[in-house]
Amino acid sequence: MDEAEFLRGRVYGADHDDAGPRPDRVYAELVGGPLDGLLLDVTDRTEHEPCEVVLTTEIGRYGPGGRSVYVRRGVDGRRFDWRGDTPGTS
């Protein structure tokens, strides 16, 4: 099993021992980039909130401390598409 396959279906930011989705939460799928296949918890997010998220990741272009930018696809918010990586702030 490669790293991408291992991450698929797991929740971004969740504890490694319990990274599966919970039935009482709403998730969007991250599509493309280093976080492809991970789920993002959007339970408390409204359709009027900003449609861009910047997520910390160690497996992106800039390594530890780097960030990946994802933009909500359409109005339903069920998928966020990767737009690129950015270095972390110092």
PDB file of N, CA and C in Angstrom:
ATOM      1  N   MET A   1       0.853  -1.175   0.000  1.00  0.00           N
ATOM      2  CA  MET A   1       0.000   0.000   0.000  1.00  0.00           C
ATOM      3  C   MET A   1       0.899   1.238   0.000  1.00  0.00           C
ATOM      4  N   ASP A   2       0.672   2.150  -0.952  1.00  0.00           N
ATOM      5  CA  ASP A   2       1.467   3.369  -0.973  1.00  0.00           C
ATOM      6  C   ASP A   2       0.826   4.438  -0.087  1.00  0.00           C
ATOM      7  N   GLU A   3       1.537   5.554   0.095  1.00  0.00           N
ATOM      8  CA  GLU A   3       1.081   6.613   1.005  1.00  0.00           C
ATOM      9  C   GLU A   3      -0.264   7.197   0.579  1.00  0.00           C
ATOM     10  N   ALA A   4      -0.459   7.418  -0.724  1.00  0.00           N
ATOM     11  CA  ALA A   4      -1.721   7.988  -1.213  1.00  0.00           C
ATOM     12  C   ALA A   4      -2.895   7.066  -0.896  1.00  0.00           C
ATOM     13  N   GLU A   5      -2.701   5.779  -1.087  1.00  0.00           N
ATOM     14  CA  GLU A   5      -3.768   4.821  -0.802  1.00  0.00           C
ATOM     15  C   GLU A   5      -4.067   4.768   0.694  1.00  0.00           C
ATOM     16  N   PHE A   6      -3.021   4.866   1.502  1.00  0.00           N
ATOM     17  CA  PHE A   6      -3.185   4.842   2.956  1.00  0.00           C
ATOM     18  C   PHE A   6      -4.012   6.035   3.442  1.00  0.00           C
ATOM     19  N   LEU A   7      -3.804   7.208   2.850  1.00  0.00           N
ATOM     20  CA  LEU A   7      -4.481   8.421   3.293  1.00  0.00           C
ATOM     21  C   LEU A   7      -5.940   8.500   2.842  1.00  0.00           C
ATOM     22  N   ARG A   8      -6.278   7.880   1.736  1.00  0.00           N
ATOM     23  CA  ARG A   8      -7.626   7.993   1.174  1.00  0.00           C
ATOM     24  C   ARG A   8      -8.698   7.607   2.198  1.00  0.00           C
ATOM     25  N   GLY A   9      -9.705   8.468   2.344  1.00  0.00           N
ATOM     26  CA  GLY A   9     -10.816   8.196   3.246  1.00  0.00           C
ATOM     27  C   GLY A   9     -10.558   8.567   4.693  1.00  0.00           C
ATOM     28  N   ARG A  10      -9.392   9.118   4.972  1.00  0.00           N
ATOM     29  CA  ARG A  10      -9.072   9.543   6.330  1.00  0.00           C
ATOM     30  C   ARG A  10      -9.382  11.034   6.457  1.00  0.00           C
ATOM     31  N   VAL A  11      -9.601  11.496   7.667  1.00  0.00           N
ATOM     32  CA  VAL A  11      -9.976  12.886   7.911  1.00  0.00           C
ATOM     33  C   VAL A  11      -8.732  13.730   8.179  1.00  0.00           C
ATOM     34  N   TYR A  12      -8.593  14.839   7.429  1.00  0.00           N
ATOM     35  CA  TYR A  12      -7.474  15.757   7.616  1.00  0.00           C
ATOM     36  C   TYR A  12      -7.485  16.289   9.049  1.00  0.00           C
ATOM     37  N   GLY A  13      -6.344  16.221   9.709  1.00  0.00           N
ATOM     38  CA  GLY A  13      -6.200  16.771  11.058  1.00  0.00           C
ATOM     39  C   GLY A  13      -6.668  15.858  12.171  1.00  0.00           C
ATOM     40  N   ALA A  14      -7.225  14.694  11.853  1.00  0.00           N
ATOM     41  CA  ALA A  14      -7.714  13.774  12.887  1.00  0.00           C
ATOM     42  C   ALA A  14      -6.551  12.995  13.488  1.00  0.00           C
ATOM     43  N   ASP A  15      -6.753  12.492  14.679  1.00  0.00           N
ATOM     44  CA  ASP A  15      -5.779  11.651  15.355  1.00  0.00           C
ATOM     45  C   ASP A  15      -5.504  10.416  14.492  1.00  0.00           C
ATOM     46  N   HIS A  16      -4.254  10.055  14.348  1.00  0.00           N
ATOM     47  CA  HIS A  16      -3.874   8.926  13.488  1.00  0.00           C
ATOM     48  C   HIS A  16      -4.548   7.615  13.885  1.00  0.00           C
ATOM     49  N   ASP A  17      -4.792   7.422  15.163  1.00  0.00           N
ATOM     50  CA  ASP A  17      -5.410   6.182  15.624  1.00  0.00           C
ATOM     51  C   ASP A  17      -6.912   6.134  15.353  1.00  0.00           C
ATOM     52  N   ASP A  18      -7.527   7.285  15.124  1.00  0.00           N
ATOM     53  CA  ASP A  18      -8.974   7.348  14.896  1.00  0.00           C
ATOM     54  C   ASP A  18      -9.256   8.375  13.802  1.00  0.00           C
ATOM     55  N   ALA A  19      -8.730   8.120  12.602  1.00  0.00           N
ATOM     56  CA  ALA A  19      -8.796   9.110  11.517  1.00  0.00           C
ATOM     57  C   ALA A  19      -9.960   8.895  10.562  1.00  0.00           C
ATOM     58  N   GLY A  20     -10.832   7.945  10.855  1.00  0.00           N
ATOM     59  CA  GLY A  20     -11.966   7.709   9.978  1.00  0.00           C
ATOM     60  C   GLY A  20     -13.055   8.735  10.190  1.00  0.00           C
ATOM     61  N   PRO A  21     -13.935   8.891   9.206  1.00  0.00           N
ATOM     62  CA  PRO A  21     -15.047   9.839   9.342  1.00  0.00           C
ATOM     63  C   PRO A  21     -16.033   9.402  10.423  1.00  0.00           C
ATOM     64  N   ARG A  22     -16.673  10.384  11.061  1.00  0.00           N
ATOM     65  CA  ARG A  22     -17.690  10.117  12.079  1.00  0.00           C
ATOM     66  C   ARG A  22     -19.070  10.358  11.481  1.00  0.00           C
ATOM     67  N   PRO A  23     -20.056   9.577  11.870  1.00  0.00           N
ATOM     68  CA  PRO A  23     -21.392   9.701  11.266  1.00  0.00           C
ATOM     69  C   PRO A  23     -22.103  11.022  11.573  1.00  0.00           C
ATOM     70  N   ASP A  24     -21.706  11.719  12.634  1.00  0.00           N
ATOM     71  CA  ASP A  24     -22.378  12.961  13.010  1.00  0.00           C
ATOM     72  C   ASP A  24     -21.715  14.202  12.406  1.00  0.00           C
ATOM     73  N   ARG A  25     -20.786  14.014  11.471  1.00  0.00           N
ATOM     74  CA  ARG A  25     -20.060  15.129  10.858  1.00  0.00           C
ATOM     75  C   ARG A  25     -20.302  15.137   9.348  1.00  0.00           C
ATOM     76  N   VAL A  26     -20.028  16.289   8.711  1.00  0.00           N
ATOM     77  CA  VAL A  26     -20.163  16.440   7.261  1.00  0.00           C
ATOM     78  C   VAL A  26     -18.766  16.680   6.703  1.00  0.00           C
ATOM     79  N   TYR A  27     -18.440  15.991   5.612  1.00  0.00           N
ATOM     80  CA  TYR A  27     -17.097  16.070   5.051  1.00  0.00           C
ATOM     81  C   TYR A  27     -17.119  16.430   3.576  1.00  0.00           C
ATOM     82  N   ALA A  28     -16.022  17.063   3.142  1.00  0.00           N
ATOM     83  CA  ALA A  28     -15.767  17.298   1.724  1.00  0.00           C
ATOM     84  C   ALA A  28     -14.482  16.557   1.380  1.00  0.00           C
ATOM     85  N   GLU A  29     -14.377  16.108   0.151  1.00  0.00           N
ATOM     86  CA  GLU A  29     -13.179  15.390  -0.281  1.00  0.00           C
ATOM     87  C   GLU A  29     -12.168  16.368  -0.860  1.00  0.00           C
ATOM     88  N   LEU A  30     -10.897  16.213  -0.478  1.00  0.00           N
ATOM     89  CA  LEU A  30      -9.816  16.993  -1.069  1.00  0.00           C
ATOM     90  C   LEU A  30      -9.375  16.265  -2.336  1.00  0.00           C
ATOM     91  N   VAL A  31      -9.329  17.011  -3.459  1.00  0.00           N
ATOM     92  CA  VAL A  31      -9.064  16.403  -4.760  1.00  0.00           C
ATOM     93  C   VAL A  31      -7.776  16.982  -5.339  1.00  0.00           C
ATOM     94  N   GLY A  32      -6.814  16.113  -5.618  1.00  0.00           N
ATOM     95  CA  GLY A  32      -5.545  16.528  -6.198  1.00  0.00           C
ATOM     96  C   GLY A  32      -4.551  16.946  -5.130  1.00  0.00           C
ATOM     97  N   GLY A  33      -3.327  17.182  -5.559  1.00  0.00           N
ATOM     98  CA  GLY A  33      -2.282  17.643  -4.657  1.00  0.00           C
ATOM     99  C   GLY A  33      -1.883  16.609  -3.612  1.00  0.00           C
ATOM    100  N   PRO A  34      -1.104  17.047  -2.636  1.00  0.00           N
ATOM    101  CA  PRO A  34      -0.564  16.111  -1.654  1.00  0.00           C
ATOM    102  C   PRO A  34      -1.604  15.538  -0.696  1.00  0.00           C
ATOM    103  N   LEU A  35      -2.750  16.167  -0.558  1.00  0.00           N
ATOM    104  CA  LEU A  35      -3.773  15.701   0.378  1.00  0.00           C
ATOM    105  C   LEU A  35      -4.924  15.001  -0.339  1.00  0.00           C
ATOM    106  N   ASP A  36      -4.698  14.628  -1.588  1.00  0.00           N
ATOM    107  CA  ASP A  36      -5.724  13.976  -2.407  1.00  0.00           C
ATOM    108  C   ASP A  36      -6.345  12.787  -1.680  1.00  0.00           C
ATOM    109  N   GLY A  37      -7.662  12.767  -1.638  1.00  0.00           N
ATOM    110  CA  GLY A  37      -8.377  11.648  -1.026  1.00  0.00           C
ATOM    111  C   GLY A  37      -8.694  11.827   0.441  1.00  0.00           C
ATOM    112  N   LEU A  38      -8.047  12.779   1.100  1.00  0.00           N
ATOM    113  CA  LEU A  38      -8.392  13.041   2.493  1.00  0.00           C
ATOM    114  C   LEU A  38      -9.748  13.727   2.565  1.00  0.00           C
ATOM    115  N   LEU A  39     -10.392  13.591   3.695  1.00  0.00           N
ATOM    116  CA  LEU A  39     -11.672  14.252   3.929  1.00  0.00           C
ATOM    117  C   LEU A  39     -11.448  15.466   4.819  1.00  0.00           C
ATOM    118  N   LEU A  40     -12.146  16.542   4.528  1.00  0.00           N
ATOM    119  CA  LEU A  40     -12.072  17.772   5.308  1.00  0.00           C
ATOM    120  C   LEU A  40     -13.397  17.969   6.023  1.00  0.00           C
ATOM    121  N   ASP A  41     -13.353  18.132   7.329  1.00  0.00           N
ATOM    122  CA  ASP A  41     -14.571  18.332   8.117  1.00  0.00           C
ATOM    123  C   ASP A  41     -15.128  19.724   7.815  1.00  0.00           C
ATOM    124  N   VAL A  42     -16.328  19.774   7.234  1.00  0.00           N
ATOM    125  CA  VAL A  42     -16.979  21.038   6.887  1.00  0.00           C
ATOM    126  C   VAL A  42     -18.316  21.179   7.617  1.00  0.00           C
ATOM    127  N   THR A  43     -18.462  20.481   8.718  1.00  0.00           N
ATOM    128  CA  THR A  43     -19.725  20.453   9.457  1.00  0.00           C
ATOM    129  C   THR A  43     -20.232  21.847   9.791  1.00  0.00           C
ATOM    130  N   ASP A  44     -19.363  22.709  10.287  1.00  0.00           N
ATOM    131  CA  ASP A  44     -19.790  24.034  10.733  1.00  0.00           C
ATOM    132  C   ASP A  44     -19.599  25.121   9.673  1.00  0.00           C
ATOM    133  N   ARG A  45     -19.242  24.747   8.483  1.00  0.00           N
ATOM    134  CA  ARG A  45     -18.987  25.708   7.406  1.00  0.00           C
ATOM    135  C   ARG A  45     -20.287  25.984   6.644  1.00  0.00           C
ATOM    136  N   THR A  46     -20.556  27.239   6.367  1.00  0.00           N
ATOM    137  CA  THR A  46     -21.738  27.596   5.584  1.00  0.00           C
ATOM    138  C   THR A  46     -21.325  27.855   4.142  1.00  0.00           C
ATOM    139  N   GLU A  47     -22.288  27.865   3.229  1.00  0.00           N
ATOM    140  CA  GLU A  47     -21.969  28.096   1.824  1.00  0.00           C
ATOM    141  C   GLU A  47     -21.492  29.519   1.571  1.00  0.00           C
ATOM    142  N   HIS A  48     -21.674  30.424   2.552  1.00  0.00           N
ATOM    143  CA  HIS A  48     -21.270  31.819   2.383  1.00  0.00           C
ATOM    144  C   HIS A  48     -19.870  32.091   2.913  1.00  0.00           C
ATOM    145  N   GLU A  49     -19.273  31.119   3.571  1.00  0.00           N
ATOM    146  CA  GLU A  49     -17.914  31.293   4.074  1.00  0.00           C
ATOM    147  C   GLU A  49     -16.940  31.248   2.909  1.00  0.00           C
ATOM    148  N   PRO A  50     -15.721  31.745   3.143  1.00  0.00           N
ATOM    149  CA  PRO A  50     -14.728  31.702   2.059  1.00  0.00           C
ATOM    150  C   PRO A  50     -14.587  30.287   1.505  1.00  0.00           C
ATOM    151  N   CYS A  51     -14.407  30.212   0.205  1.00  0.00           N
ATOM    152  CA  CYS A  51     -14.369  28.904  -0.444  1.00  0.00           C
ATOM    153  C   CYS A  51     -12.947  28.384  -0.599  1.00  0.00           C
ATOM    154  N   GLU A  52     -11.965  29.035   0.026  1.00  0.00           N
ATOM    155  CA  GLU A  52     -10.582  28.595  -0.051  1.00  0.00           C
ATOM    156  C   GLU A  52     -10.104  28.184   1.333  1.00  0.00           C
ATOM    157  N   VAL A  53      -9.373  27.076   1.394  1.00  0.00           N
ATOM    158  CA  VAL A  53      -8.757  26.656   2.652  1.00  0.00           C
ATOM    159  C   VAL A  53      -7.273  26.450   2.408  1.00  0.00           C
ATOM    160  N   VAL A  54      -6.476  26.807   3.399  1.00  0.00           N
ATOM    161  CA  VAL A  54      -5.027  26.628   3.341  1.00  0.00           C
ATOM    162  C   VAL A  54      -4.679  25.667   4.469  1.00  0.00           C
ATOM    163  N   LEU A  55      -4.181  24.494   4.098  1.00  0.00           N
ATOM    164  CA  LEU A  55      -3.969  23.418   5.052  1.00  0.00           C
ATOM    165  C   LEU A  55      -2.486  23.087   5.195  1.00  0.00           C
ATOM    166  N   THR A  56      -2.018  22.976   6.409  1.00  0.00           N
ATOM    167  CA  THR A  56      -0.635  22.624   6.685  1.00  0.00           C
ATOM    168  C   THR A  56      -0.385  21.176   6.291  1.00  0.00           C
ATOM    169  N   THR A  57       0.737  20.947   5.624  1.00  0.00           N
ATOM    170  CA  THR A  57       1.114  19.582   5.260  1.00  0.00           C
ATOM    171  C   THR A  57       2.628  19.450   5.174  1.00  0.00           C
ATOM    172  N   GLU A  58       3.124  18.298   5.521  1.00  0.00           N
ATOM    173  CA  GLU A  58       4.556  18.019   5.415  1.00  0.00           C
ATOM    174  C   GLU A  58       4.899  17.313   4.110  1.00  0.00           C
ATOM    175  N   ILE A  59       3.883  16.914   3.348  1.00  0.00           N
ATOM    176  CA  ILE A  59       4.152  16.130   2.149  1.00  0.00           C
ATOM    177  C   ILE A  59       3.946  16.923   0.859  1.00  0.00           C
ATOM    178  N   GLY A  60       3.842  18.243   0.974  1.00  0.00           N
ATOM    179  CA  GLY A  60       3.701  19.085  -0.208  1.00  0.00           C
ATOM    180  C   GLY A  60       5.044  19.508  -0.754  1.00  0.00           C
ATOM    181  N   ARG A  61       5.017  20.390  -1.692  1.00  0.00           N
ATOM    182  CA  ARG A  61       6.221  20.876  -2.375  1.00  0.00           C
ATOM    183  C   ARG A  61       7.239  21.484  -1.427  1.00  0.00           C
ATOM    184  N   TYR A  62       6.778  22.134  -0.356  1.00  0.00           N
ATOM    185  CA  TYR A  62       7.680  22.861   0.535  1.00  0.00           C
ATOM    186  C   TYR A  62       8.045  22.094   1.803  1.00  0.00           C
ATOM    187  N   GLY A  63       7.657  20.826   1.885  1.00  0.00           N
ATOM    188  CA  GLY A  63       8.046  19.987   3.013  1.00  0.00           C
ATOM    189  C   GLY A  63       7.424  20.441   4.325  1.00  0.00           C
ATOM    190  N   PRO A  64       8.068  20.083   5.451  1.00  0.00           N
ATOM    191  CA  PRO A  64       7.516  20.425   6.766  1.00  0.00           C
ATOM    192  C   PRO A  64       7.224  21.927   6.888  1.00  0.00           C
ATOM    193  N   GLY A  65       6.044  22.249   7.368  1.00  0.00           N
ATOM    194  CA  GLY A  65       5.642  23.641   7.533  1.00  0.00           C
ATOM    195  C   GLY A  65       4.993  24.234   6.296  1.00  0.00           C
ATOM    196  N   GLY A  66       5.024  23.510   5.187  1.00  0.00           N
ATOM    197  CA  GLY A  66       4.407  24.010   3.968  1.00  0.00           C
ATOM    198  C   GLY A  66       2.887  23.939   4.047  1.00  0.00           C
ATOM    199  N   ARG A  67       2.258  24.559   3.078  1.00  0.00           N
ATOM    200  CA  ARG A  67       0.800  24.588   3.055  1.00  0.00           C
ATOM    201  C   ARG A  67       0.302  24.208   1.662  1.00  0.00           C
ATOM    202  N   SER A  68      -0.892  23.640   1.621  1.00  0.00           N
ATOM    203  CA  SER A  68      -1.570  23.338   0.357  1.00  0.00           C
ATOM    204  C   SER A  68      -2.875  24.121   0.316  1.00  0.00           C
ATOM    205  N   VAL A  69      -3.144  24.712  -0.833  1.00  0.00           N
ATOM    206  CA  VAL A  69      -4.334  25.548  -1.019  1.00  0.00           C
ATOM    207  C   VAL A  69      -5.380  24.747  -1.788  1.00  0.00           C
ATOM    208  N   TYR A  70      -6.591  24.690  -1.234  1.00  0.00           N
ATOM    209  CA  TYR A  70      -7.714  24.002  -1.869  1.00  0.00           C
ATOM    210  C   TYR A  70      -8.890  24.967  -1.981  1.00  0.00           C
ATOM    211  N   VAL A  71      -9.620  24.875  -3.086  1.00  0.00           N
ATOM    212  CA  VAL A  71     -10.754  25.765  -3.366  1.00  0.00           C
ATOM    213  C   VAL A  71     -12.002  24.912  -3.565  1.00  0.00           C
ATOM    214  N   ARG A  72     -13.090  25.327  -2.906  1.00  0.00           N
ATOM    215  CA  ARG A  72     -14.354  24.596  -3.008  1.00  0.00           C
ATOM    216  C   ARG A  72     -14.826  24.548  -4.463  1.00  0.00           C
ATOM    217  N   ARG A  73     -15.243  23.364  -4.888  1.00  0.00           N
ATOM    218  CA  ARG A  73     -15.766  23.166  -6.237  1.00  0.00           C
ATOM    219  C   ARG A  73     -17.284  23.314  -6.189  1.00  0.00           C
ATOM    220  N   GLY A  74     -17.815  24.280  -6.901  1.00  0.00           N
ATOM    221  CA  GLY A  74     -19.266  24.463  -6.946  1.00  0.00           C
ATOM    222  C   GLY A  74     -19.835  24.945  -5.624  1.00  0.00           C
ATOM    223  N   VAL A  75     -21.148  24.955  -5.538  1.00  0.00           N
ATOM    224  CA  VAL A  75     -21.817  25.497  -4.362  1.00  0.00           C
ATOM    225  C   VAL A  75     -22.142  24.457  -3.307  1.00  0.00           C
ATOM    226  N   ASP A  76     -22.087  23.177  -3.653  1.00  0.00           N
ATOM    227  CA  ASP A  76     -22.460  22.163  -2.663  1.00  0.00           C
ATOM    228  C   ASP A  76     -21.359  21.904  -1.641  1.00  0.00           C
ATOM    229  N   GLY A  77     -20.112  22.267  -1.954  1.00  0.00           N
ATOM    230  CA  GLY A  77     -19.024  22.151  -0.996  1.00  0.00           C
ATOM    231  C   GLY A  77     -18.570  20.735  -0.712  1.00  0.00           C
ATOM    232  N   ARG A  78     -18.911  19.767  -1.542  1.00  0.00           N
ATOM    233  CA  ARG A  78     -18.556  18.375  -1.281  1.00  0.00           C
ATOM    234  C   ARG A  78     -17.158  18.008  -1.775  1.00  0.00           C
ATOM    235  N   ARG A  79     -16.549  18.876  -2.573  1.00  0.00           N
ATOM    236  CA  ARG A  79     -15.187  18.646  -3.061  1.00  0.00           C
ATOM    237  C   ARG A  79     -14.420  19.961  -3.043  1.00  0.00           C
ATOM    238  N   PHE A  80     -13.147  19.853  -2.679  1.00  0.00           N
ATOM    239  CA  PHE A  80     -12.239  20.988  -2.717  1.00  0.00           C
ATOM    240  C   PHE A  80     -11.083  20.609  -3.629  1.00  0.00           C
ATOM    241  N   ASP A  81     -10.837  21.408  -4.675  1.00  0.00           N
ATOM    242  CA  ASP A  81      -9.790  21.124  -5.649  1.00  0.00           C
ATOM    243  C   ASP A  81      -8.485  21.822  -5.272  1.00  0.00           C
ATOM    244  N   TRP A  82      -7.377  21.129  -5.468  1.00  0.00           N
ATOM    245  CA  TRP A  82      -6.043  21.651  -5.164  1.00  0.00           C
ATOM    246  C   TRP A  82      -5.669  22.744  -6.144  1.00  0.00           C
ATOM    247  N   ARG A  83      -5.127  23.847  -5.624  1.00  0.00           N
ATOM    248  CA  ARG A  83      -4.690  24.959  -6.460  1.00  0.00           C
ATOM    249  C   ARG A  83      -3.177  25.154  -6.420  1.00  0.00           C
ATOM    250  N   GLY A  84      -2.509  24.535  -5.470  1.00  0.00           N
ATOM    251  CA  GLY A  84      -1.056  24.665  -5.395  1.00  0.00           C
ATOM    252  C   GLY A  84      -0.579  24.639  -3.957  1.00  0.00           C
ATOM    253  N   ASP A  85       0.741  24.655  -3.827  1.00  0.00           N
ATOM    254  CA  ASP A  85       1.373  24.672  -2.507  1.00  0.00           C
ATOM    255  C   ASP A  85       2.037  26.010  -2.278  1.00  0.00           C
ATOM    256  N   THR A  86       2.237  26.350  -1.029  1.00  0.00           N
ATOM    257  CA  THR A  86       2.867  27.594  -0.656  1.00  0.00           C
ATOM    258  C   THR A  86       3.770  27.332   0.546  1.00  0.00           C
ATOM    259  N   PRO A  87       4.873  28.071   0.660  1.00  0.00           N
ATOM    260  CA  PRO A  87       5.717  27.864   1.839  1.00  0.00           C
ATOM    261  C   PRO A  87       4.996  28.330   3.097  1.00  0.00           C
ATOM    262  N   GLY A  88       5.383  27.776   4.222  1.00  0.00           N
ATOM    263  CA  GLY A  88       4.779  28.189   5.501  1.00  0.00           C
ATOM    264  C   GLY A  88       5.273  29.571   5.889  1.00  0.00           C
ATOM    265  N   THR A  89       4.609  30.143   6.858  1.00  0.00           N
ATOM    266  CA  THR A  89       5.035  31.451   7.357  1.00  0.00           C
ATOM    267  C   THR A  89       6.112  31.261   8.400  1.00  0.00           C
ATOM    268  N   SER A  90       7.038  32.201   8.445  1.00  0.00           N
ATOM    269  CA  SER A  90       8.108  32.066   9.422  1.00  0.00           C
ATOM    270  C   SER A  90       7.814  32.820  10.684  1.00  0.00           C
TER     271      SER A  90
END
